[in-house]
Amino acid sequence: MGPQSAKSYPGRRPVKPAGPEAQRAKQEIDYGRRGKGYVFGAFQPARGDALTAPYLGRTTANWVDFLGKVEAWIDPGVERVYAVMDNLNTHSATDVLLFALAHPRWELVFQPKYAAYLNLIEPWWKILRSLALKGRRFEIWAQIEEAVRRATEYWNEHKHPFVWGRRRRHRTPRRPGVAAVPNIAIT
């Protein structure tokens, strides 16, 4: 999901001017980041299952740990696991390649650069951000972790096969245009 951080936003309290000589309302700027971390995710589009795990850093060790969680999460009866990933250097590190060797059912598929639309998890990240983060204010990283955990649980409770692309909307049949003969009785 990329880097997420807890940060504050301007409040809703109006600032009262000091008197008639005051020219504009002022508010103290808060640039503080209250914790930062990364959310790793795995997605099974055919079933709609999702797995997320927050980490404090985007390191190779954290990525291999997450791959271990995904290995335990996927049904052992599945013969082939295709892991579609971007070209981040931690995704192709030596430890990750050793993980793939130790787990022969895994196949690492790297998407081309500048082609995030080929990865089915990318539109799902947008949905997860909407469920977990949209319109909310977080003071600390633990609150973001909790929001992502609850949003993932909500998704998995209401899961459905994920359709790639926009949903097709029902269109009413077009009415005859200018060239159609009007239904008028001629007497």
N, C-alpha and C. Protein backbone atom coordinates (compact mmCIF):
# COMPACT_ATOMS: atom_id res chain seq x y z
N MET A 1 0.83 -1.18 0.00
CA MET A 1 0.00 0.00 0.00
C MET A 1 0.87 1.23 0.00
N GLY A 2 2.12 1.07 0.21
CA GLY A 2 3.02 2.21 0.20
C GLY A 2 3.15 2.82 1.57
N PRO A 3 3.98 3.81 1.68
CA PRO A 3 4.20 4.40 3.00
C PRO A 3 2.97 5.16 3.47
N GLN A 4 2.60 4.93 4.69
CA GLN A 4 1.50 5.64 5.32
C GLN A 4 2.03 6.23 6.60
N SER A 5 1.55 7.38 6.96
CA SER A 5 2.00 7.96 8.20
C SER A 5 0.85 8.68 8.87
N ALA A 6 0.95 8.76 10.18
CA ALA A 6 -0.04 9.50 10.95
C ALA A 6 0.37 10.95 10.94
N LYS A 7 -0.53 11.83 10.58
CA LYS A 7 -0.24 13.25 10.57
C LYS A 7 -1.50 14.01 10.94
N SER A 8 -1.32 15.21 11.41
CA SER A 8 -2.48 15.98 11.84
C SER A 8 -2.91 16.96 10.77
N TYR A 9 -4.16 17.32 10.84
CA TYR A 9 -4.75 18.26 9.89
C TYR A 9 -5.34 19.43 10.67
N PRO A 10 -5.57 20.56 9.99
CA PRO A 10 -6.15 21.70 10.70
C PRO A 10 -7.47 21.33 11.35
N GLY A 11 -7.71 21.85 12.53
CA GLY A 11 -8.95 21.58 13.23
C GLY A 11 -10.10 22.41 12.69
N ARG A 12 -11.27 22.26 13.30
CA ARG A 12 -12.45 22.98 12.85
C ARG A 12 -12.73 24.23 13.69
N ARG A 13 -11.92 24.46 14.70
CA ARG A 13 -12.14 25.63 15.54
C ARG A 13 -11.70 26.88 14.80
N PRO A 14 -12.55 27.90 14.75
CA PRO A 14 -12.11 29.15 14.13
C PRO A 14 -11.14 29.87 15.06
N VAL A 15 -10.21 30.57 14.47
CA VAL A 15 -9.25 31.35 15.23
C VAL A 15 -9.80 32.77 15.35
N LYS A 16 -9.96 33.23 16.58
CA LYS A 16 -10.53 34.57 16.79
C LYS A 16 -9.45 35.62 16.57
N PRO A 17 -9.75 36.66 15.79
CA PRO A 17 -8.76 37.71 15.58
C PRO A 17 -8.51 38.50 16.86
N ALA A 18 -7.33 39.08 16.95
CA ALA A 18 -6.92 39.82 18.15
C ALA A 18 -7.69 41.13 18.29
N GLY A 19 -8.11 41.70 17.24
CA GLY A 19 -8.82 42.98 17.29
C GLY A 19 -9.02 43.53 15.90
N PRO A 20 -9.41 44.79 15.78
CA PRO A 20 -9.67 45.35 14.46
C PRO A 20 -8.42 45.44 13.59
N GLU A 21 -7.22 45.47 14.19
CA GLU A 21 -6.02 45.56 13.38
C GLU A 21 -5.58 44.20 12.82
N ALA A 22 -6.22 43.12 13.26
CA ALA A 22 -5.86 41.80 12.76
C ALA A 22 -6.27 41.69 11.29
N GLN A 23 -5.39 41.11 10.46
CA GLN A 23 -5.64 41.06 9.04
C GLN A 23 -6.18 39.71 8.58
N ARG A 24 -5.70 38.62 9.18
CA ARG A 24 -6.20 37.32 8.77
C ARG A 24 -6.06 36.34 9.93
N ALA A 25 -6.81 35.26 9.87
CA ALA A 25 -6.72 34.23 10.90
C ALA A 25 -5.44 33.42 10.67
N LYS A 26 -4.79 33.05 11.74
CA LYS A 26 -3.56 32.27 11.64
C LYS A 26 -3.69 31.02 12.48
N GLN A 27 -3.07 29.97 12.01
CA GLN A 27 -3.05 28.73 12.75
C GLN A 27 -1.64 28.16 12.70
N GLU A 28 -1.21 27.62 13.82
CA GLU A 28 0.12 27.06 13.88
C GLU A 28 0.22 25.85 12.96
N ILE A 29 1.27 25.77 12.18
CA ILE A 29 1.46 24.67 11.25
C ILE A 29 2.07 23.49 11.99
N ASP A 30 1.52 22.32 11.74
CA ASP A 30 2.00 21.11 12.39
C ASP A 30 2.54 20.18 11.31
N TYR A 31 3.86 20.06 11.24
CA TYR A 31 4.49 19.19 10.27
C TYR A 31 4.84 17.82 10.85
N GLY A 32 4.43 17.56 12.08
CA GLY A 32 4.87 16.36 12.77
C GLY A 32 4.32 15.08 12.17
N ARG A 33 5.19 14.10 12.04
CA ARG A 33 4.77 12.75 11.66
C ARG A 33 4.84 11.91 12.92
N ARG A 34 3.76 11.26 13.21
CA ARG A 34 3.68 10.49 14.44
C ARG A 34 3.79 9.00 14.13
N GLY A 35 4.91 8.59 13.65
CA GLY A 35 5.11 7.19 13.31
C GLY A 35 4.94 6.97 11.82
N LYS A 36 5.64 6.03 11.30
CA LYS A 36 5.57 5.74 9.88
C LYS A 36 5.79 4.25 9.69
N GLY A 37 5.14 3.70 8.70
CA GLY A 37 5.30 2.28 8.45
C GLY A 37 4.80 1.91 7.07
N TYR A 38 4.79 0.63 6.78
CA TYR A 38 4.38 0.11 5.48
C TYR A 38 3.40 -1.03 5.70
N VAL A 39 2.50 -1.17 4.77
CA VAL A 39 1.54 -2.26 4.80
C VAL A 39 1.81 -3.14 3.59
N PHE A 40 2.10 -4.41 3.84
CA PHE A 40 2.27 -5.38 2.77
C PHE A 40 0.95 -6.11 2.60
N GLY A 41 0.67 -6.53 1.38
CA GLY A 41 -0.59 -7.21 1.15
C GLY A 41 -0.50 -8.29 0.11
N ALA A 42 -1.37 -9.28 0.25
CA ALA A 42 -1.52 -10.36 -0.72
C ALA A 42 -3.01 -10.48 -1.03
N PHE A 43 -3.31 -10.86 -2.27
CA PHE A 43 -4.69 -10.86 -2.73
C PHE A 43 -4.92 -12.05 -3.65
N GLN A 44 -6.02 -12.74 -3.46
CA GLN A 44 -6.42 -13.83 -4.33
C GLN A 44 -7.67 -13.39 -5.09
N PRO A 45 -7.51 -12.85 -6.30
CA PRO A 45 -8.65 -12.25 -7.01
C PRO A 45 -9.79 -13.24 -7.30
N ALA A 46 -9.49 -14.49 -7.57
CA ALA A 46 -10.54 -15.45 -7.92
C ALA A 46 -11.50 -15.69 -6.77
N ARG A 47 -11.00 -15.64 -5.54
CA ARG A 47 -11.85 -15.84 -4.37
C ARG A 47 -12.16 -14.55 -3.65
N GLY A 48 -11.32 -13.53 -3.82
CA GLY A 48 -11.53 -12.26 -3.15
C GLY A 48 -10.87 -12.18 -1.79
N ASP A 49 -10.10 -13.18 -1.41
CA ASP A 49 -9.42 -13.17 -0.11
C ASP A 49 -8.27 -12.17 -0.11
N ALA A 50 -8.06 -11.53 1.03
CA ALA A 50 -6.97 -10.57 1.17
C ALA A 50 -6.25 -10.79 2.49
N LEU A 51 -4.97 -10.50 2.48
CA LEU A 51 -4.13 -10.58 3.67
C LEU A 51 -3.27 -9.33 3.71
N THR A 52 -3.27 -8.65 4.84
CA THR A 52 -2.40 -7.48 5.01
C THR A 52 -1.60 -7.65 6.29
N ALA A 53 -0.43 -7.04 6.30
CA ALA A 53 0.42 -7.07 7.49
C ALA A 53 1.22 -5.77 7.53
N PRO A 54 1.13 -5.04 8.64
CA PRO A 54 1.91 -3.81 8.77
C PRO A 54 3.32 -4.10 9.28
N TYR A 55 4.26 -3.32 8.79
CA TYR A 55 5.65 -3.41 9.22
C TYR A 55 6.19 -1.99 9.38
N LEU A 56 7.19 -1.84 10.22
CA LEU A 56 7.77 -0.52 10.44
C LEU A 56 8.71 -0.11 9.31
N GLY A 57 9.19 -1.05 8.53
CA GLY A 57 10.10 -0.73 7.44
C GLY A 57 9.86 -1.62 6.24
N ARG A 58 10.35 -1.18 5.11
CA ARG A 58 10.21 -1.95 3.87
C ARG A 58 11.55 -2.62 3.58
N THR A 59 11.93 -3.52 4.45
CA THR A 59 13.22 -4.18 4.34
C THR A 59 13.06 -5.56 3.74
N THR A 60 14.16 -6.15 3.31
CA THR A 60 14.13 -7.50 2.76
C THR A 60 13.67 -8.49 3.83
N ALA A 61 14.14 -8.33 5.05
CA ALA A 61 13.75 -9.24 6.13
C ALA A 61 12.25 -9.19 6.37
N ASN A 62 11.67 -8.00 6.36
CA ASN A 62 10.22 -7.87 6.54
C ASN A 62 9.47 -8.49 5.37
N TRP A 63 9.99 -8.31 4.15
CA TRP A 63 9.34 -8.87 2.97
C TRP A 63 9.36 -10.40 3.00
N VAL A 64 10.48 -11.00 3.38
CA VAL A 64 10.57 -12.45 3.47
C VAL A 64 9.65 -12.96 4.58
N ASP A 65 9.58 -12.23 5.69
CA ASP A 65 8.66 -12.60 6.77
C ASP A 65 7.22 -12.58 6.27
N PHE A 66 6.88 -11.56 5.49
CA PHE A 66 5.52 -11.49 4.94
C PHE A 66 5.25 -12.63 3.97
N LEU A 67 6.23 -12.97 3.14
CA LEU A 67 6.05 -14.10 2.22
C LEU A 67 5.80 -15.40 3.01
N GLY A 68 6.45 -15.54 4.15
CA GLY A 68 6.19 -16.69 5.02
C GLY A 68 4.76 -16.70 5.53
N LYS A 69 4.23 -15.52 5.88
CA LYS A 69 2.83 -15.42 6.32
C LYS A 69 1.89 -15.79 5.17
N VAL A 70 2.23 -15.35 3.96
CA VAL A 70 1.40 -15.68 2.80
C VAL A 70 1.44 -17.18 2.54
N GLU A 71 2.60 -17.79 2.67
CA GLU A 71 2.73 -19.24 2.47
C GLU A 71 1.83 -20.00 3.45
N ALA A 72 1.79 -19.55 4.70
CA ALA A 72 0.93 -20.20 5.69
C ALA A 72 -0.54 -19.91 5.43
N TRP A 73 -0.85 -18.77 4.83
CA TRP A 73 -2.23 -18.33 4.57
C TRP A 73 -2.85 -19.07 3.38
N ILE A 74 -2.05 -19.39 2.38
CA ILE A 74 -2.56 -20.05 1.18
C ILE A 74 -2.80 -21.52 1.46
N ASP A 75 -3.89 -22.03 0.92
CA ASP A 75 -4.27 -23.43 1.08
C ASP A 75 -3.14 -24.34 0.59
N PRO A 76 -2.74 -25.33 1.39
CA PRO A 76 -1.66 -26.23 0.96
C PRO A 76 -1.98 -27.03 -0.30
N GLY A 77 -3.27 -27.15 -0.64
CA GLY A 77 -3.66 -27.88 -1.82
C GLY A 77 -3.41 -27.14 -3.12
N VAL A 78 -3.10 -25.86 -3.04
CA VAL A 78 -2.82 -25.08 -4.24
C VAL A 78 -1.45 -25.49 -4.77
N GLU A 79 -1.42 -25.90 -6.03
CA GLU A 79 -0.16 -26.40 -6.59
C GLU A 79 0.80 -25.30 -7.00
N ARG A 80 0.26 -24.17 -7.49
CA ARG A 80 1.12 -23.11 -8.02
C ARG A 80 0.70 -21.77 -7.42
N VAL A 81 1.66 -21.02 -6.95
CA VAL A 81 1.41 -19.68 -6.40
C VAL A 81 2.18 -18.69 -7.27
N TYR A 82 1.45 -17.79 -7.90
CA TYR A 82 2.08 -16.75 -8.71
C TYR A 82 2.08 -15.46 -7.90
N ALA A 83 3.25 -15.00 -7.56
CA ALA A 83 3.39 -13.76 -6.82
C ALA A 83 3.75 -12.65 -7.81
N VAL A 84 2.77 -11.77 -8.09
CA VAL A 84 3.00 -10.66 -9.02
C VAL A 84 3.51 -9.49 -8.19
N MET A 85 4.71 -9.01 -8.55
CA MET A 85 5.34 -7.95 -7.75
C MET A 85 5.92 -6.88 -8.67
N ASP A 86 6.11 -5.70 -8.08
CA ASP A 86 6.79 -4.65 -8.83
C ASP A 86 8.29 -4.85 -8.73
N ASN A 87 9.04 -3.94 -9.27
CA ASN A 87 10.49 -4.11 -9.36
C ASN A 87 11.26 -3.46 -8.22
N LEU A 88 10.67 -3.40 -7.06
CA LEU A 88 11.37 -2.88 -5.89
C LEU A 88 12.56 -3.79 -5.59
N ASN A 89 13.68 -3.20 -5.21
CA ASN A 89 14.90 -4.01 -5.02
C ASN A 89 14.75 -5.06 -3.93
N THR A 90 13.93 -4.82 -2.92
CA THR A 90 13.75 -5.83 -1.87
C THR A 90 12.97 -7.05 -2.38
N HIS A 91 12.21 -6.90 -3.45
CA HIS A 91 11.44 -8.02 -3.99
C HIS A 91 12.32 -9.02 -4.74
N SER A 92 13.49 -8.60 -5.18
CA SER A 92 14.38 -9.51 -5.91
C SER A 92 15.70 -9.73 -5.17
N ALA A 93 15.71 -9.50 -3.88
CA ALA A 93 16.92 -9.69 -3.09
C ALA A 93 17.25 -11.18 -2.98
N THR A 94 18.45 -11.47 -2.56
CA THR A 94 18.92 -12.85 -2.45
C THR A 94 18.05 -13.66 -1.51
N ASP A 95 17.64 -13.09 -0.39
CA ASP A 95 16.81 -13.82 0.57
C ASP A 95 15.45 -14.19 -0.04
N VAL A 96 14.92 -13.32 -0.88
CA VAL A 96 13.63 -13.61 -1.52
C VAL A 96 13.80 -14.74 -2.53
N LEU A 97 14.88 -14.72 -3.28
CA LEU A 97 15.14 -15.80 -4.23
C LEU A 97 15.38 -17.12 -3.50
N LEU A 98 16.03 -17.08 -2.34
CA LEU A 98 16.21 -18.29 -1.54
C LEU A 98 14.86 -18.80 -1.02
N PHE A 99 13.96 -17.86 -0.65
CA PHE A 99 12.61 -18.26 -0.25
C PHE A 99 11.91 -18.99 -1.39
N ALA A 100 12.03 -18.46 -2.61
CA ALA A 100 11.40 -19.10 -3.77
C ALA A 100 11.99 -20.48 -4.03
N LEU A 101 13.29 -20.64 -3.81
CA LEU A 101 13.91 -21.97 -3.98
C LEU A 101 13.42 -22.95 -2.92
N ALA A 102 13.22 -22.46 -1.71
CA ALA A 102 12.76 -23.33 -0.62
C ALA A 102 11.28 -23.69 -0.77
N HIS A 103 10.54 -22.92 -1.52
CA HIS A 103 9.11 -23.17 -1.74
C HIS A 103 8.88 -23.33 -3.23
N PRO A 104 8.99 -24.55 -3.76
CA PRO A 104 8.96 -24.75 -5.21
C PRO A 104 7.63 -24.42 -5.88
N ARG A 105 6.53 -24.33 -5.13
CA ARG A 105 5.26 -23.99 -5.77
C ARG A 105 5.14 -22.51 -6.09
N TRP A 106 6.05 -21.71 -5.59
CA TRP A 106 6.03 -20.27 -5.80
C TRP A 106 6.71 -19.91 -7.12
N GLU A 107 6.09 -19.01 -7.85
CA GLU A 107 6.72 -18.42 -9.03
C GLU A 107 6.62 -16.90 -8.90
N LEU A 108 7.76 -16.25 -8.92
CA LEU A 108 7.81 -14.80 -8.78
C LEU A 108 7.68 -14.17 -10.18
N VAL A 109 6.67 -13.35 -10.34
CA VAL A 109 6.40 -12.68 -11.61
C VAL A 109 6.59 -11.19 -11.39
N PHE A 110 7.52 -10.60 -12.11
CA PHE A 110 7.78 -9.17 -11.96
C PHE A 110 7.10 -8.41 -13.09
N GLN A 111 6.27 -7.45 -12.71
CA GLN A 111 5.56 -6.68 -13.73
C GLN A 111 6.50 -5.68 -14.37
N PRO A 112 6.23 -5.30 -15.61
CA PRO A 112 7.08 -4.31 -16.28
C PRO A 112 7.04 -2.97 -15.54
N LYS A 113 8.10 -2.19 -15.70
CA LYS A 113 8.12 -0.87 -15.08
C LYS A 113 7.00 -0.02 -15.68
N TYR A 114 6.43 0.84 -14.86
CA TYR A 114 5.37 1.76 -15.25
C TYR A 114 4.12 1.02 -15.73
N ALA A 115 3.86 -0.15 -15.20
CA ALA A 115 2.68 -0.92 -15.60
C ALA A 115 1.96 -1.45 -14.36
N ALA A 116 1.70 -0.59 -13.39
CA ALA A 116 1.04 -1.02 -12.17
C ALA A 116 -0.36 -1.55 -12.44
N TYR A 117 -0.97 -1.11 -13.53
CA TYR A 117 -2.33 -1.54 -13.85
C TYR A 117 -2.40 -3.04 -14.16
N LEU A 118 -1.26 -3.69 -14.39
CA LEU A 118 -1.25 -5.13 -14.65
C LEU A 118 -1.36 -5.95 -13.37
N ASN A 119 -1.15 -5.33 -12.22
CA ASN A 119 -1.20 -6.02 -10.95
C ASN A 119 -2.59 -5.84 -10.35
N LEU A 120 -3.31 -6.94 -10.14
CA LEU A 120 -4.68 -6.86 -9.65
C LEU A 120 -4.80 -6.30 -8.23
N ILE A 121 -3.71 -6.29 -7.49
CA ILE A 121 -3.82 -5.77 -6.12
C ILE A 121 -3.89 -4.24 -6.11
N GLU A 122 -3.42 -3.59 -7.16
CA GLU A 122 -3.40 -2.12 -7.16
C GLU A 122 -4.79 -1.50 -7.04
N PRO A 123 -5.82 -1.95 -7.80
CA PRO A 123 -7.15 -1.38 -7.56
C PRO A 123 -7.71 -1.78 -6.20
N TRP A 124 -7.28 -2.93 -5.69
CA TRP A 124 -7.75 -3.32 -4.37
C TRP A 124 -7.16 -2.43 -3.29
N TRP A 125 -5.90 -1.97 -3.48
CA TRP A 125 -5.31 -1.03 -2.51
C TRP A 125 -6.16 0.23 -2.43
N LYS A 126 -6.67 0.68 -3.56
CA LYS A 126 -7.51 1.88 -3.57
C LYS A 126 -8.77 1.65 -2.72
N ILE A 127 -9.35 0.47 -2.83
CA ILE A 127 -10.53 0.15 -2.03
C ILE A 127 -10.17 0.08 -0.56
N LEU A 128 -9.03 -0.55 -0.25
CA LEU A 128 -8.61 -0.66 1.15
C LEU A 128 -8.34 0.72 1.75
N ARG A 129 -7.69 1.59 0.99
CA ARG A 129 -7.45 2.96 1.49
C ARG A 129 -8.77 3.65 1.80
N SER A 130 -9.76 3.45 0.92
CA SER A 130 -11.06 4.06 1.12
C SER A 130 -11.73 3.50 2.38
N LEU A 131 -11.65 2.18 2.58
CA LEU A 131 -12.26 1.57 3.75
C LEU A 131 -11.55 1.95 5.04
N ALA A 132 -10.23 2.02 5.00
CA ALA A 132 -9.46 2.19 6.24
C ALA A 132 -9.10 3.63 6.56
N LEU A 133 -8.73 4.41 5.55
CA LEU A 133 -8.09 5.70 5.82
C LEU A 133 -8.90 6.92 5.44
N LYS A 134 -9.81 6.79 4.51
CA LYS A 134 -10.49 7.97 3.96
C LYS A 134 -11.29 8.71 5.03
N GLY A 135 -11.02 10.00 5.12
CA GLY A 135 -11.77 10.87 6.02
C GLY A 135 -11.46 10.70 7.49
N ARG A 136 -10.37 10.03 7.82
CA ARG A 136 -10.03 9.79 9.21
C ARG A 136 -8.70 10.44 9.55
N ARG A 137 -8.53 10.74 10.81
CA ARG A 137 -7.29 11.34 11.29
C ARG A 137 -6.64 10.38 12.27
N PHE A 138 -5.34 10.15 12.10
CA PHE A 138 -4.62 9.21 12.93
C PHE A 138 -3.49 9.95 13.64
N GLU A 139 -3.39 9.72 14.93
CA GLU A 139 -2.34 10.37 15.72
C GLU A 139 -1.06 9.54 15.76
N ILE A 140 -1.21 8.22 15.76
CA ILE A 140 -0.05 7.35 15.87
C ILE A 140 -0.16 6.21 14.86
N TRP A 141 0.96 5.55 14.57
CA TRP A 141 1.00 4.47 13.59
C TRP A 141 0.12 3.29 14.02
N ALA A 142 0.00 3.04 15.31
CA ALA A 142 -0.81 1.92 15.80
C ALA A 142 -2.28 2.09 15.39
N GLN A 143 -2.75 3.33 15.30
CA GLN A 143 -4.13 3.57 14.86
C GLN A 143 -4.30 3.20 13.38
N ILE A 144 -3.29 3.47 12.58
CA ILE A 144 -3.36 3.09 11.16
C ILE A 144 -3.35 1.56 11.05
N GLU A 145 -2.49 0.91 11.82
CA GLU A 145 -2.45 -0.55 11.81
C GLU A 145 -3.82 -1.13 12.14
N GLU A 146 -4.46 -0.59 13.16
CA GLU A 146 -5.78 -1.08 13.57
C GLU A 146 -6.82 -0.82 12.49
N ALA A 147 -6.79 0.35 11.88
CA ALA A 147 -7.75 0.66 10.82
C ALA A 147 -7.58 -0.26 9.61
N VAL A 148 -6.34 -0.54 9.24
CA VAL A 148 -6.09 -1.45 8.11
C VAL A 148 -6.52 -2.87 8.47
N ARG A 149 -6.26 -3.29 9.70
CA ARG A 149 -6.67 -4.63 10.13
C ARG A 149 -8.20 -4.77 10.08
N ARG A 150 -8.91 -3.77 10.60
CA ARG A 150 -10.37 -3.82 10.59
C ARG A 150 -10.93 -3.76 9.18
N ALA A 151 -10.32 -2.96 8.31
CA ALA A 151 -10.79 -2.87 6.92
C ALA A 151 -10.56 -4.19 6.19
N THR A 152 -9.44 -4.85 6.44
CA THR A 152 -9.17 -6.14 5.82
C THR A 152 -10.15 -7.19 6.32
N GLU A 153 -10.44 -7.18 7.63
CA GLU A 153 -11.43 -8.11 8.16
C GLU A 153 -12.80 -7.87 7.53
N TYR A 154 -13.17 -6.61 7.40
CA TYR A 154 -14.45 -6.27 6.77
C TYR A 154 -14.50 -6.78 5.34
N TRP A 155 -13.41 -6.56 4.60
CA TRP A 155 -13.36 -7.03 3.22
C TRP A 155 -13.52 -8.55 3.16
N ASN A 156 -12.80 -9.28 4.01
CA ASN A 156 -12.84 -10.73 3.98
C ASN A 156 -14.20 -11.27 4.41
N GLU A 157 -14.92 -10.55 5.27
CA GLU A 157 -16.28 -10.96 5.65
C GLU A 157 -17.25 -10.79 4.49
N HIS A 158 -17.00 -9.81 3.63
CA HIS A 158 -17.89 -9.51 2.50
C HIS A 158 -17.20 -9.79 1.17
N LYS A 159 -16.29 -10.72 1.15
CA LYS A 159 -15.48 -10.96 -0.05
C LYS A 159 -16.31 -11.49 -1.21
N HIS A 160 -15.80 -11.26 -2.38
CA HIS A 160 -16.39 -11.75 -3.62
C HIS A 160 -15.28 -11.78 -4.65
N PRO A 161 -15.43 -12.58 -5.70
CA PRO A 161 -14.39 -12.56 -6.73
C PRO A 161 -14.18 -11.14 -7.25
N PHE A 162 -12.95 -10.78 -7.39
CA PHE A 162 -12.62 -9.40 -7.78
C PHE A 162 -12.61 -9.29 -9.30
N VAL A 163 -13.39 -8.35 -9.80
CA VAL A 163 -13.49 -8.15 -11.24
C VAL A 163 -12.51 -7.06 -11.63
N TRP A 164 -11.67 -7.36 -12.59
CA TRP A 164 -10.67 -6.40 -13.04
C TRP A 164 -11.33 -5.40 -13.97
N GLY A 165 -11.13 -4.13 -13.71
CA GLY A 165 -11.72 -3.08 -14.55
C GLY A 165 -13.03 -2.59 -13.96
N ARG A 166 -13.68 -1.74 -14.70
CA ARG A 166 -14.92 -1.15 -14.23
C ARG A 166 -16.07 -2.13 -14.41
N ARG A 167 -17.05 -1.99 -13.52
CA ARG A 167 -18.23 -2.83 -13.65
C ARG A 167 -19.07 -2.34 -14.82
N ARG A 168 -19.66 -3.26 -15.49
CA ARG A 168 -20.52 -2.90 -16.61
C ARG A 168 -21.87 -2.47 -16.04
N ARG A 169 -22.30 -1.33 -16.45
CA ARG A 169 -23.58 -0.82 -15.98
C ARG A 169 -24.67 -1.18 -16.99
N HIS A 170 -25.86 -1.39 -16.46
CA HIS A 170 -26.98 -1.71 -17.34
C HIS A 170 -27.36 -0.47 -18.15
N ARG A 171 -27.43 -0.64 -19.43
CA ARG A 171 -27.83 0.47 -20.30
C ARG A 171 -29.20 0.17 -20.89
N THR A 172 -30.03 1.18 -20.89
CA THR A 172 -31.33 0.99 -21.54
C THR A 172 -31.13 1.03 -23.04
N PRO A 173 -31.93 0.28 -23.77
CA PRO A 173 -31.77 0.29 -25.23
C PRO A 173 -31.99 1.70 -25.78
N ARG A 174 -31.24 2.02 -26.80
CA ARG A 174 -31.37 3.35 -27.41
C ARG A 174 -32.70 3.48 -28.11
N ARG A 175 -33.29 4.64 -27.98
CA ARG A 175 -34.54 4.91 -28.67
C ARG A 175 -34.23 5.30 -30.11
N PRO A 176 -35.18 5.08 -30.98
CA PRO A 176 -34.93 5.46 -32.37
C PRO A 176 -34.62 6.94 -32.48
N GLY A 177 -33.71 7.26 -33.37
CA GLY A 177 -33.28 8.65 -33.53
C GLY A 177 -34.08 9.39 -34.58
N VAL A 178 -33.43 10.30 -35.23
CA VAL A 178 -34.06 11.18 -36.20
C VAL A 178 -34.59 10.41 -37.40
N ALA A 179 -33.91 9.37 -37.80
CA ALA A 179 -34.28 8.66 -39.02
C ALA A 179 -35.48 7.75 -38.83
N ALA A 180 -35.96 7.56 -37.62
CA ALA A 180 -37.09 6.66 -37.42
C ALA A 180 -38.39 7.34 -37.81
N VAL A 181 -39.32 6.55 -38.30
CA VAL A 181 -40.64 7.07 -38.71
C VAL A 181 -41.48 7.23 -37.45
N PRO A 182 -42.10 8.38 -37.26
CA PRO A 182 -42.93 8.59 -36.06
C PRO A 182 -44.20 7.74 -36.14
N ASN A 183 -44.71 7.39 -34.97
CA ASN A 183 -45.95 6.60 -34.89
C ASN A 183 -47.16 7.53 -34.91
N ILE A 184 -47.47 8.09 -36.06
CA ILE A 184 -48.59 9.00 -36.19
C ILE A 184 -49.54 8.43 -37.23
N ALA A 185 -50.80 8.44 -36.87
CA ALA A 185 -51.80 7.95 -37.83
C ALA A 185 -52.13 9.08 -38.81
N ILE A 186 -52.01 8.79 -40.09
CA ILE A 186 -52.31 9.79 -41.12
C ILE A 186 -53.75 9.55 -41.58
N THR A 187 -54.58 10.61 -41.57
CA THR A 187 -55.97 10.46 -41.99
C THR A 187 -56.26 11.19 -43.27
